[in-house]
Amino acid sequence: MAGIDLAWGERRPDGICLLRGEAGRVTDALVGLTFGDAELLEWLRQHLPRDQAVLLCLDAPVVCPNKTGSRPVDRLTHRMFHREQAGAHPTNRTRCARPLRIVAALKREGFSIATDWPSTRRAMVEVYPHPATVRWFGLPRTIKYKRGPLTERRREFARLQRLLRAWLQLHAPEIAAQETIGGLLRAGWTKDDEDRTDALLSALIGWQWATRGVAAVEVLGDTRRGFIVLPTEIQPGRSHNSSSPRTHAL
């Protein structure tokens, strides 16, 4: 599975994370950055060839039919997570031109917008790390590493790293043992490492889906008006055997 912290504009790189393995266990992890559409797509071609099944988790809109305003799923996140301050930003086609351009390119590369992975072998879904961390770590509100004074962002980023290291040790020790992941989760804050970490968080939502089953994730919204895939809370070693993900209708 792969996670992409997709830049909405042209000035910042995309954070990328690939978790590879076999028999349900991660044996290799890559994290990095790409800059611009062409470099991102070439990276995906190199690491995710067309004959390979993959769940691609994008921290960016993959479905956004509305020209202005916000999507129903964006408003739903505020109803569900307003106390934790984890609602999604309003999304429309004016604001997210690059994500939708990338999604169109990914379709040409053989990916489909779908919530029935692995039935759809090369599926792409939208994820959102903020409510994911709220659920995983049992937080009363989101970790404030995105905004504010630099000293506060550094402190909050270090807090995120500590929580994520502990969570991985408990739920996915084989991922925690990867040198690339360990290095990332001990690095001091930079915007680049923030983007890489958001890509890792996105990939971990896919990891939870792949290793715990479709009932270990929840789909907010729908593929017509916009949707976001979130993890449910999990217990170590527990499998979910349902044949379809939980859905939360708009």
C-alpha atoms as a PDB file:
ATOM      1  CA  MET A   1       0.000   0.000   0.000  1.00  0.00           C
ATOM      2  CA  ALA A   2       1.083   3.560  -0.637  1.00  0.00           C
ATOM      3  CA  GLY A   3       0.306   6.964   0.845  1.00  0.00           C
ATOM      4  CA  ILE A   4       0.676  10.347  -0.813  1.00  0.00           C
ATOM      5  CA  ASP A   5       0.497  13.690   0.948  1.00  0.00           C
ATOM      6  CA  LEU A   6      -0.452  15.476  -2.255  1.00  0.00           C
ATOM      7  CA  ALA A   7       0.406  19.153  -2.597  1.00  0.00           C
ATOM      8  CA  TRP A   8      -2.621  21.116  -3.783  1.00  0.00           C
ATOM      9  CA  GLY A   9      -0.474  23.770  -5.449  1.00  0.00           C
ATOM     10  CA  GLU A  10       2.716  23.912  -7.469  1.00  0.00           C
ATOM     11  CA  ARG A  11       5.172  25.245  -4.873  1.00  0.00           C
ATOM     12  CA  ARG A  12       5.526  22.291  -2.507  1.00  0.00           C
ATOM     13  CA  PRO A  13       6.631  18.706  -3.123  1.00  0.00           C
ATOM     14  CA  ASP A  14       4.449  15.660  -2.522  1.00  0.00           C
ATOM     15  CA  GLY A  15       5.217  13.397   0.420  1.00  0.00           C
ATOM     16  CA  ILE A  16       5.260   9.736  -0.570  1.00  0.00           C
ATOM     17  CA  CYS A  17       5.352   6.495   1.403  1.00  0.00           C
ATOM     18  CA  LEU A  18       5.326   2.911   0.168  1.00  0.00           C
ATOM     19  CA  LEU A  19       4.854  -0.056   2.510  1.00  0.00           C
ATOM     20  CA  ARG A  20       5.684  -3.339   0.782  1.00  0.00           C
ATOM     21  CA  GLY A  21       5.504  -6.876   2.051  1.00  0.00           C
ATOM     22  CA  GLU A  22       4.068 -10.331   1.745  1.00  0.00           C
ATOM     23  CA  ALA A  23       1.733 -12.587   3.719  1.00  0.00           C
ATOM     24  CA  GLY A  24       0.248  -9.506   5.393  1.00  0.00           C
ATOM     25  CA  ARG A  25       3.552  -8.287   6.857  1.00  0.00           C
ATOM     26  CA  VAL A  26       5.509  -5.215   5.823  1.00  0.00           C
ATOM     27  CA  THR A  27       9.082  -6.081   4.881  1.00  0.00           C
ATOM     28  CA  ASP A  28      10.188  -2.842   3.239  1.00  0.00           C
ATOM     29  CA  ALA A  29       9.301   0.840   3.557  1.00  0.00           C
ATOM     30  CA  LEU A  30      10.149   3.810   1.368  1.00  0.00           C
ATOM     31  CA  VAL A  31       9.539   7.445   2.229  1.00  0.00           C
ATOM     32  CA  GLY A  32      10.455  10.473   0.176  1.00  0.00           C
ATOM     33  CA  LEU A  33       9.400  13.490  -1.823  1.00  0.00           C
ATOM     34  CA  THR A  34       8.573  14.141  -5.459  1.00  0.00           C
ATOM     35  CA  PHE A  35       8.174  17.534  -7.070  1.00  0.00           C
ATOM     36  CA  GLY A  36       5.513  18.176  -9.690  1.00  0.00           C
ATOM     37  CA  ASP A  37       3.149  15.971 -11.665  1.00  0.00           C
ATOM     38  CA  ALA A  38       5.702  14.298 -13.919  1.00  0.00           C
ATOM     39  CA  GLU A  39       8.064  13.284 -11.108  1.00  0.00           C
ATOM     40  CA  LEU A  40       5.218  11.903  -8.981  1.00  0.00           C
ATOM     41  CA  LEU A  41       3.789   9.841 -11.843  1.00  0.00           C
ATOM     42  CA  GLU A  42       7.223   8.514 -12.797  1.00  0.00           C
ATOM     43  CA  TRP A  43       7.821   7.461  -9.184  1.00  0.00           C
ATOM     44  CA  LEU A  44       4.507   5.602  -9.192  1.00  0.00           C
ATOM     45  CA  ARG A  45       5.301   3.888 -12.490  1.00  0.00           C
ATOM     46  CA  GLN A  46       8.664   2.775 -11.126  1.00  0.00           C
ATOM     47  CA  HIS A  47       7.427   1.465  -7.786  1.00  0.00           C
ATOM     48  CA  LEU A  48       3.824   0.473  -8.563  1.00  0.00           C
ATOM     49  CA  PRO A  49       3.823  -1.166 -12.016  1.00  0.00           C
ATOM     50  CA  ARG A  50       0.516  -1.814 -13.727  1.00  0.00           C
ATOM     51  CA  ASP A  51       0.539  -5.549 -13.006  1.00  0.00           C
ATOM     52  CA  GLN A  52       0.779  -4.929  -9.256  1.00  0.00           C
ATOM     53  CA  ALA A  53      -2.284  -4.745  -7.023  1.00  0.00           C
ATOM     54  CA  VAL A  54      -2.148  -1.716  -4.743  1.00  0.00           C
ATOM     55  CA  LEU A  55      -4.246   0.489  -2.507  1.00  0.00           C
ATOM     56  CA  LEU A  56      -3.225   4.113  -3.038  1.00  0.00           C
ATOM     57  CA  CYS A  57      -4.263   6.456  -0.217  1.00  0.00           C
ATOM     58  CA  LEU A  58      -4.206  10.154  -1.064  1.00  0.00           C
ATOM     59  CA  ASP A  59      -4.375  12.927   1.507  1.00  0.00           C
ATOM     60  CA  ALA A  60      -6.255  15.013  -1.064  1.00  0.00           C
ATOM     61  CA  PRO A  61      -9.638  14.973  -2.782  1.00  0.00           C
ATOM     62  CA  VAL A  62     -10.224  12.244  -5.334  1.00  0.00           C
ATOM     63  CA  VAL A  63     -13.903  13.064  -5.947  1.00  0.00           C
ATOM     64  CA  CYS A  64     -15.079  16.683  -5.972  1.00  0.00           C
ATOM     65  CA  PRO A  65     -17.993  17.523  -8.313  1.00  0.00           C
ATOM     66  CA  ASN A  66     -18.941  20.870  -6.722  1.00  0.00           C
ATOM     67  CA  LYS A  67     -17.517  24.034  -8.292  1.00  0.00           C
ATOM     68  CA  THR A  68     -17.807  26.116  -5.114  1.00  0.00           C
ATOM     69  CA  GLY A  69     -18.545  25.699  -1.431  1.00  0.00           C
ATOM     70  CA  SER A  70     -17.783  22.403   0.277  1.00  0.00           C
ATOM     71  CA  ARG A  71     -18.674  18.776  -0.234  1.00  0.00           C
ATOM     72  CA  PRO A  72     -21.222  16.988   1.951  1.00  0.00           C
ATOM     73  CA  VAL A  73     -18.439  14.774   3.316  1.00  0.00           C
ATOM     74  CA  ASP A  74     -16.457  17.836   4.413  1.00  0.00           C
ATOM     75  CA  ARG A  75     -19.436  19.050   6.428  1.00  0.00           C
ATOM     76  CA  LEU A  76     -19.918  15.559   7.827  1.00  0.00           C
ATOM     77  CA  THR A  77     -16.386  15.506   9.236  1.00  0.00           C
ATOM     78  CA  HIS A  78     -17.165  18.698  11.141  1.00  0.00           C
ATOM     79  CA  ARG A  79     -20.299  17.167  12.647  1.00  0.00           C
ATOM     80  CA  MET A  80     -18.369  14.065  13.664  1.00  0.00           C
ATOM     81  CA  PHE A  81     -15.078  15.638  14.786  1.00  0.00           C
ATOM     82  CA  HIS A  82     -15.805  19.268  15.706  1.00  0.00           C
ATOM     83  CA  ARG A  83     -14.881  18.715  19.351  1.00  0.00           C
ATOM     84  CA  GLU A  84     -11.525  17.281  18.306  1.00  0.00           C
ATOM     85  CA  GLN A  85     -11.017  20.126  15.777  1.00  0.00           C
ATOM     86  CA  ALA A  86     -10.497  17.507  13.045  1.00  0.00           C
ATOM     87  CA  GLY A  87     -13.012  18.629  10.430  1.00  0.00           C
ATOM     88  CA  ALA A  88     -11.859  18.742   6.799  1.00  0.00           C
ATOM     89  CA  HIS A  89     -11.205  21.991   4.963  1.00  0.00           C
ATOM     90  CA  PRO A  90     -13.954  23.043   2.527  1.00  0.00           C
ATOM     91  CA  THR A  91     -13.171  21.429  -0.820  1.00  0.00           C
ATOM     92  CA  ASN A  92     -14.343  22.478  -4.278  1.00  0.00           C
ATOM     93  CA  ARG A  93     -13.067  22.303  -7.830  1.00  0.00           C
ATOM     94  CA  THR A  94     -11.711  25.837  -7.652  1.00  0.00           C
ATOM     95  CA  ARG A  95      -9.497  25.005  -4.667  1.00  0.00           C
ATOM     96  CA  CYS A  96      -8.296  21.543  -5.680  1.00  0.00           C
ATOM     97  CA  ALA A  97      -7.411  21.814  -9.368  1.00  0.00           C
ATOM     98  CA  ARG A  98      -4.099  19.958  -9.024  1.00  0.00           C
ATOM     99  CA  PRO A  99      -5.445  17.001  -7.001  1.00  0.00           C
ATOM    100  CA  LEU A 100      -8.171  16.424  -9.570  1.00  0.00           C
ATOM    101  CA  ARG A 101      -5.598  16.706 -12.356  1.00  0.00           C
ATOM    102  CA  ILE A 102      -3.483  14.053 -10.637  1.00  0.00           C
ATOM    103  CA  VAL A 103      -6.509  11.820 -10.143  1.00  0.00           C
ATOM    104  CA  ALA A 104      -7.257  12.019 -13.885  1.00  0.00           C
ATOM    105  CA  ALA A 105      -3.637  11.067 -14.616  1.00  0.00           C
ATOM    106  CA  LEU A 106      -3.814   8.164 -12.164  1.00  0.00           C
ATOM    107  CA  LYS A 107      -6.875   6.838 -13.946  1.00  0.00           C
ATOM    108  CA  ARG A 108      -4.829   6.756 -17.138  1.00  0.00           C
ATOM    109  CA  GLU A 109      -2.217   4.761 -15.195  1.00  0.00           C
ATOM    110  CA  GLY A 110      -4.795   2.089 -14.401  1.00  0.00           C
ATOM    111  CA  PHE A 111      -6.066   3.239 -10.996  1.00  0.00           C
ATOM    112  CA  SER A 112      -9.776   3.343 -10.181  1.00  0.00           C
ATOM    113  CA  ILE A 113     -11.694   5.348  -7.604  1.00  0.00           C
ATOM    114  CA  ALA A 114     -13.190   2.555  -5.539  1.00  0.00           C
ATOM    115  CA  THR A 115     -13.992   1.525  -1.984  1.00  0.00           C
ATOM    116  CA  ASP A 116     -14.095  -2.231  -2.667  1.00  0.00           C
ATOM    117  CA  TRP A 117     -10.369  -2.955  -2.591  1.00  0.00           C
ATOM    118  CA  PRO A 118      -8.998  -5.625  -3.097  1.00  0.00           C
ATOM    119  CA  SER A 119     -11.815  -6.461  -5.543  1.00  0.00           C
ATOM    120  CA  THR A 120     -10.580  -3.403  -7.432  1.00  0.00           C
ATOM    121  CA  ARG A 121      -6.902  -4.345  -7.749  1.00  0.00           C
ATOM    122  CA  ARG A 122      -5.533  -0.813  -8.264  1.00  0.00           C
ATOM    123  CA  ALA A 123      -7.741   1.396  -6.137  1.00  0.00           C
ATOM    124  CA  MET A 124      -7.255   4.981  -5.028  1.00  0.00           C
ATOM    125  CA  VAL A 125      -9.085   6.524  -2.087  1.00  0.00           C
ATOM    126  CA  GLU A 126      -9.046   9.779  -0.170  1.00  0.00           C
ATOM    127  CA  VAL A 127      -7.844   9.671   3.431  1.00  0.00           C
ATOM    128  CA  TYR A 128      -7.466  12.310   6.137  1.00  0.00           C
ATOM    129  CA  PRO A 129      -4.742  11.914   8.797  1.00  0.00           C
ATOM    130  CA  HIS A 130      -6.149  14.326  11.430  1.00  0.00           C
ATOM    131  CA  PRO A 131      -9.212  12.272  12.472  1.00  0.00           C
ATOM    132  CA  ALA A 132      -7.164   9.119  11.962  1.00  0.00           C
ATOM    133  CA  THR A 133      -4.682  10.191  14.644  1.00  0.00           C
ATOM    134  CA  VAL A 134      -7.535  11.253  16.923  1.00  0.00           C
ATOM    135  CA  ARG A 135      -8.931   7.732  16.714  1.00  0.00           C
ATOM    136  CA  TRP A 136      -5.637   5.853  16.838  1.00  0.00           C
ATOM    137  CA  PHE A 137      -4.214   7.763  19.785  1.00  0.00           C
ATOM    138  CA  GLY A 138      -7.464   8.502  21.652  1.00  0.00           C
ATOM    139  CA  LEU A 139      -6.883  12.261  21.501  1.00  0.00           C
ATOM    140  CA  PRO A 140      -9.294  14.928  22.782  1.00  0.00           C
ATOM    141  CA  ARG A 141      -8.137  17.185  19.910  1.00  0.00           C
ATOM    142  CA  THR A 142      -5.756  17.108  16.988  1.00  0.00           C
ATOM    143  CA  ILE A 143      -2.013  17.526  17.331  1.00  0.00           C
ATOM    144  CA  LYS A 144      -1.145  21.094  16.306  1.00  0.00           C
ATOM    145  CA  TYR A 145       1.932  20.540  14.143  1.00  0.00           C
ATOM    146  CA  LYS A 146       0.502  22.278  11.065  1.00  0.00           C
ATOM    147  CA  ARG A 147      -0.008  25.852  12.241  1.00  0.00           C
ATOM    148  CA  GLY A 148       1.281  28.326  14.771  1.00  0.00           C
ATOM    149  CA  PRO A 149       4.697  29.505  15.965  1.00  0.00           C
ATOM    150  CA  LEU A 150       7.635  27.393  14.866  1.00  0.00           C
ATOM    151  CA  THR A 151       8.544  26.404  18.424  1.00  0.00           C
ATOM    152  CA  GLU A 152       5.032  25.087  19.002  1.00  0.00           C
ATOM    153  CA  ARG A 153       4.997  23.216  15.698  1.00  0.00           C
ATOM    154  CA  ARG A 154       8.308  21.562  16.553  1.00  0.00           C
ATOM    155  CA  ARG A 155       7.017  20.551  19.976  1.00  0.00           C
ATOM    156  CA  GLU A 156       3.756  19.180  18.589  1.00  0.00           C
ATOM    157  CA  PHE A 157       5.548  17.353  15.765  1.00  0.00           C
ATOM    158  CA  ALA A 158       7.803  15.650  18.320  1.00  0.00           C
ATOM    159  CA  ARG A 159       4.661  14.673  20.240  1.00  0.00           C
ATOM    160  CA  LEU A 160       3.166  13.172  17.080  1.00  0.00           C
ATOM    161  CA  GLN A 161       6.373  11.215  16.520  1.00  0.00           C
ATOM    162  CA  ARG A 162       6.345   9.813  20.068  1.00  0.00           C
ATOM    163  CA  LEU A 163       2.715   8.753  19.817  1.00  0.00           C
ATOM    164  CA  LEU A 164       3.211   7.191  16.406  1.00  0.00           C
ATOM    165  CA  ARG A 165       6.328   5.287  17.482  1.00  0.00           C
ATOM    166  CA  ALA A 166       4.437   3.827  20.447  1.00  0.00           C
ATOM    167  CA  TRP A 167       1.417   2.986  18.294  1.00  0.00           C
ATOM    168  CA  LEU A 168       3.562   1.221  15.706  1.00  0.00           C
ATOM    169  CA  GLN A 169       5.423  -0.750  18.366  1.00  0.00           C
ATOM    170  CA  LEU A 170       2.072  -2.007  19.641  1.00  0.00           C
ATOM    171  CA  HIS A 171       0.209  -2.601  16.382  1.00  0.00           C
ATOM    172  CA  ALA A 172       2.842  -2.938  13.640  1.00  0.00           C
ATOM    173  CA  PRO A 173       6.302  -3.665  15.090  1.00  0.00           C
ATOM    174  CA  GLU A 174       7.586  -4.752  11.673  1.00  0.00           C
ATOM    175  CA  ILE A 175       6.917  -1.233  10.381  1.00  0.00           C
ATOM    176  CA  ALA A 176       8.488   0.362  13.448  1.00  0.00           C
ATOM    177  CA  ALA A 177      11.581  -1.769  12.793  1.00  0.00           C
ATOM    178  CA  GLN A 178      12.106  -0.352   9.298  1.00  0.00           C
ATOM    179  CA  GLU A 179      15.168   1.901   9.292  1.00  0.00           C
ATOM    180  CA  THR A 180      13.526   4.498   7.068  1.00  0.00           C
ATOM    181  CA  ILE A 181      10.519   4.770   9.378  1.00  0.00           C
ATOM    182  CA  GLY A 182      12.624   4.911  12.528  1.00  0.00           C
ATOM    183  CA  GLY A 183      14.751   7.669  11.069  1.00  0.00           C
ATOM    184  CA  LEU A 184      11.734   9.673   9.973  1.00  0.00           C
ATOM    185  CA  LEU A 185      10.074   9.411  13.384  1.00  0.00           C
ATOM    186  CA  ARG A 186      13.162  10.715  15.149  1.00  0.00           C
ATOM    187  CA  ALA A 187      13.974  13.585  12.821  1.00  0.00           C
ATOM    188  CA  GLY A 188      13.522  17.160  13.956  1.00  0.00           C
ATOM    189  CA  TRP A 189      10.697  19.095  12.361  1.00  0.00           C
ATOM    190  CA  THR A 190      11.082  20.339   8.838  1.00  0.00           C
ATOM    191  CA  LYS A 191       8.262  20.959   6.382  1.00  0.00           C
ATOM    192  CA  ASP A 192       9.645  18.173   4.202  1.00  0.00           C
ATOM    193  CA  ASP A 193       9.596  15.683   7.078  1.00  0.00           C
ATOM    194  CA  GLU A 194       6.106  16.843   7.985  1.00  0.00           C
ATOM    195  CA  ASP A 195       5.003  15.965   4.438  1.00  0.00           C
ATOM    196  CA  ARG A 196       6.764  12.596   4.575  1.00  0.00           C
ATOM    197  CA  THR A 197       5.100  11.837   7.910  1.00  0.00           C
ATOM    198  CA  ASP A 198       1.662  12.730   6.550  1.00  0.00           C
ATOM    199  CA  ALA A 199       2.353  10.319   3.675  1.00  0.00           C
ATOM    200  CA  LEU A 200       3.227   7.623   6.227  1.00  0.00           C
ATOM    201  CA  LEU A 201       0.007   8.282   8.143  1.00  0.00           C
ATOM    202  CA  SER A 202      -1.931   7.986   4.879  1.00  0.00           C
ATOM    203  CA  ALA A 203      -0.207   4.696   4.035  1.00  0.00           C
ATOM    204  CA  LEU A 204      -0.980   3.349   7.514  1.00  0.00           C
ATOM    205  CA  ILE A 205      -4.694   3.779   6.890  1.00  0.00           C
ATOM    206  CA  GLY A 206      -4.199   1.527   3.873  1.00  0.00           C
ATOM    207  CA  TRP A 207      -2.107  -0.862   6.006  1.00  0.00           C
ATOM    208  CA  GLN A 208      -4.946  -1.157   8.509  1.00  0.00           C
ATOM    209  CA  TRP A 209      -7.375  -1.939   5.681  1.00  0.00           C
ATOM    210  CA  ALA A 210      -5.019  -4.524   4.145  1.00  0.00           C
ATOM    211  CA  THR A 211      -4.089  -6.336   7.353  1.00  0.00           C
ATOM    212  CA  ARG A 212      -7.250  -6.046   9.466  1.00  0.00           C
ATOM    213  CA  GLY A 213      -9.916  -6.273   6.778  1.00  0.00           C
ATOM    214  CA  VAL A 214     -12.412  -3.870   5.282  1.00  0.00           C
ATOM    215  CA  ALA A 215     -14.430  -3.532   8.484  1.00  0.00           C
ATOM    216  CA  ALA A 216     -11.356  -1.925  10.086  1.00  0.00           C
ATOM    217  CA  VAL A 217     -12.029   1.208   8.060  1.00  0.00           C
ATOM    218  CA  GLU A 218     -15.021   3.488   7.708  1.00  0.00           C
ATOM    219  CA  VAL A 219     -16.076   5.234   4.515  1.00  0.00           C
ATOM    220  CA  LEU A 220     -17.624   8.659   5.037  1.00  0.00           C
ATOM    221  CA  GLY A 221     -19.681   9.852   2.071  1.00  0.00           C
ATOM    222  CA  ASP A 222     -19.851   8.204  -1.326  1.00  0.00           C
ATOM    223  CA  THR A 223     -17.957   7.960  -4.599  1.00  0.00           C
ATOM    224  CA  ARG A 224     -20.402  10.276  -6.373  1.00  0.00           C
ATOM    225  CA  ARG A 225     -20.184  13.411  -4.224  1.00  0.00           C
ATOM    226  CA  GLY A 226     -16.943  12.770  -2.346  1.00  0.00           C
ATOM    227  CA  PHE A 227     -15.725  10.342   0.301  1.00  0.00           C
ATOM    228  CA  ILE A 228     -13.013   9.938   2.922  1.00  0.00           C
ATOM    229  CA  VAL A 229     -11.699   6.637   4.295  1.00  0.00           C
ATOM    230  CA  LEU A 230     -10.917   6.649   8.018  1.00  0.00           C
ATOM    231  CA  PRO A 231      -9.576   3.913  10.278  1.00  0.00           C
ATOM    232  CA  THR A 232     -11.624   2.557  13.118  1.00  0.00           C
ATOM    233  CA  GLU A 233     -10.009   1.973  16.480  1.00  0.00           C
ATOM    234  CA  ILE A 234      -8.143  -1.354  16.515  1.00  0.00           C
ATOM    235  CA  GLN A 235      -6.853  -3.835  19.045  1.00  0.00           C
ATOM    236  CA  PRO A 236      -3.518  -5.640  18.593  1.00  0.00           C
ATOM    237  CA  GLY A 237      -3.869  -8.817  16.558  1.00  0.00           C
ATOM    238  CA  ARG A 238      -7.589  -8.413  15.982  1.00  0.00           C
ATOM    239  CA  SER A 239      -8.955  -9.168  12.515  1.00  0.00           C
ATOM    240  CA  HIS A 240     -12.168  -7.850  10.995  1.00  0.00           C
ATOM    241  CA  ASN A 241     -13.897 -10.344   8.758  1.00  0.00           C
ATOM    242  CA  SER A 242     -16.729  -8.342   7.261  1.00  0.00           C
ATOM    243  CA  SER A 243     -16.825  -8.274   3.461  1.00  0.00           C
ATOM    244  CA  SER A 244     -17.483  -4.535   3.177  1.00  0.00           C
ATOM    245  CA  PRO A 245     -16.229  -1.417   4.940  1.00  0.00           C
ATOM    246  CA  ARG A 246     -18.378   0.479   7.395  1.00  0.00           C
ATOM    247  CA  THR A 247     -20.119   3.364   5.708  1.00  0.00           C
ATOM    248  CA  HIS A 248     -21.426   6.602   7.139  1.00  0.00           C
ATOM    249  CA  ALA A 249     -24.082   8.010   4.829  1.00  0.00           C
ATOM    250  CA  LEU A 250     -24.361  11.740   4.228  1.00  0.00           C
END
